[in-house]
Amino acid sequence: MRLVLTILAFVAAFPVGSAMADDECFVPMADWKPREAVAALAAQQGWTVRRIKIDDGCYEIDGTDLRGQQIEATVHPATLEILEIEHRDGDRRREGKTHNNDQ
């Protein structure tokens, strides 16, 4: 019986732990920067914004970079840290830079 309970406890905890590792952006809405700050961040990077949306608790910017390549950037809603930039050609990189905008 103990073995069964131990296994069930492990199985129940395992998906939650792995899901939380991927969810970098879940913060209270009260701590979010406004969309205008995200748009200003994109402008500072030289990006042309097509759309700003929310995906998995993060801001996601669809647009083009300075070279005219289509990009999808994931931005932390509270810190405006650029977490990842994916170029439409499949090139994906993690940024790890913090870009705070106090607007």
Protein backbone atom coordinates (compact mmCIF):
# COMPACT_ATOMS: atom_id res chain seq x y z
CA MET A 1 0.00 0.00 0.00
CA ARG A 2 2.81 2.43 0.85
CA LEU A 3 4.50 1.72 -2.45
CA VAL A 4 1.31 2.55 -4.34
CA LEU A 5 0.87 5.81 -2.44
CA THR A 6 4.50 6.76 -3.01
CA ILE A 7 4.19 6.10 -6.73
CA LEU A 8 0.93 8.07 -6.96
CA ALA A 9 2.47 10.99 -5.09
CA PHE A 10 5.47 10.98 -7.44
CA VAL A 11 3.31 10.79 -10.56
CA ALA A 12 1.03 13.56 -9.31
CA ALA A 13 3.96 15.87 -8.52
CA PHE A 14 6.03 15.17 -11.63
CA PRO A 15 3.91 16.94 -14.30
CA VAL A 16 3.42 19.97 -12.08
CA GLY A 17 7.15 20.37 -11.50
CA SER A 18 8.02 20.07 -15.19
CA ALA A 19 5.22 22.43 -16.21
CA MET A 20 6.33 25.07 -13.74
CA ALA A 21 9.85 25.05 -15.18
CA ASP A 22 8.51 26.18 -18.57
CA ASP A 23 6.20 28.86 -17.19
CA GLU A 24 8.57 31.76 -16.67
CA CYS A 25 5.96 34.48 -17.00
CA PHE A 26 3.18 33.71 -14.58
CA VAL A 27 2.99 36.79 -12.37
CA PRO A 28 0.00 38.69 -10.98
CA MET A 29 -1.63 41.02 -13.51
CA ALA A 30 -1.07 43.90 -11.08
CA ASP A 31 2.68 43.53 -11.72
CA TRP A 32 2.43 43.63 -15.52
CA LYS A 33 3.80 46.53 -17.54
CA PRO A 34 1.26 47.98 -20.00
CA ARG A 35 1.22 47.04 -23.69
CA GLU A 36 2.52 50.53 -24.49
CA ALA A 37 5.73 49.69 -22.60
CA VAL A 38 6.08 46.50 -24.65
CA ALA A 39 5.58 48.49 -27.85
CA ALA A 40 8.23 50.98 -26.67
CA LEU A 41 10.62 48.08 -25.98
CA ALA A 42 10.08 46.81 -29.52
CA ALA A 43 10.73 50.28 -30.92
CA GLN A 44 13.98 50.50 -28.91
CA GLN A 45 15.06 47.23 -30.52
CA GLY A 46 14.23 48.62 -33.97
CA TRP A 47 11.39 46.15 -34.49
CA THR A 48 8.24 46.82 -36.45
CA VAL A 49 5.31 45.39 -34.49
CA ARG A 50 2.52 43.56 -36.27
CA ARG A 51 0.85 42.23 -33.14
CA ILE A 52 1.32 42.06 -29.37
CA LYS A 53 -0.51 39.21 -27.69
CA ILE A 54 -0.41 37.16 -24.50
CA ASP A 55 0.74 33.55 -24.74
CA ASP A 56 1.40 31.25 -21.76
CA GLY A 57 1.46 34.23 -19.41
CA CYS A 58 4.08 36.11 -21.44
CA TYR A 59 3.81 38.96 -23.89
CA GLU A 60 4.53 37.80 -27.42
CA ILE A 61 5.54 40.26 -30.12
CA ASP A 62 5.02 39.32 -33.76
CA GLY A 63 6.82 41.61 -36.16
CA THR A 64 10.00 42.22 -38.10
CA ASP A 65 13.52 43.03 -36.96
CA LEU A 66 15.95 45.62 -38.33
CA ARG A 67 16.88 43.33 -41.24
CA GLY A 68 13.23 42.85 -42.20
CA GLN A 69 13.10 39.25 -40.96
CA GLN A 70 9.89 38.10 -39.34
CA ILE A 71 10.32 37.48 -35.62
CA GLU A 72 8.35 36.28 -32.65
CA ALA A 73 9.74 37.59 -29.35
CA THR A 74 8.68 36.39 -25.91
CA VAL A 75 8.81 39.12 -23.26
CA HIS A 76 8.34 38.80 -19.49
CA PRO A 77 5.30 40.94 -18.58
CA ALA A 78 6.66 42.33 -15.30
CA THR A 79 10.33 42.88 -16.11
CA LEU A 80 10.14 43.33 -19.91
CA GLU A 81 13.05 40.90 -20.17
CA ILE A 82 13.31 39.46 -23.68
CA LEU A 83 13.19 35.75 -22.96
CA GLU A 84 13.37 34.40 -26.48
CA ILE A 85 13.44 35.56 -30.08
CA GLU A 86 12.37 33.17 -32.80
CA HIS A 87 13.07 34.07 -36.40
CA ARG A 88 10.54 32.69 -38.86
CA ASP A 89 13.32 30.73 -40.56
CA GLY A 90 13.37 28.58 -37.41
CA ASP A 91 16.39 30.20 -35.72
CA ARG A 92 15.57 30.48 -32.04
CA ARG A 93 17.69 32.08 -29.33
CA ARG A 94 17.25 32.94 -25.68
CA GLU A 95 18.15 36.48 -24.78
CA GLY A 96 18.52 36.73 -21.00
CA LYS A 97 18.83 40.51 -21.12
CA THR A 98 16.65 42.74 -18.98
CA HIS A 99 15.04 45.71 -20.67
CA ASN A 100 13.14 47.76 -18.13
CA ASN A 101 10.96 50.57 -19.32
CA ASP A 102 9.40 52.75 -16.62
CA GLN A 103 6.65 54.22 -18.76
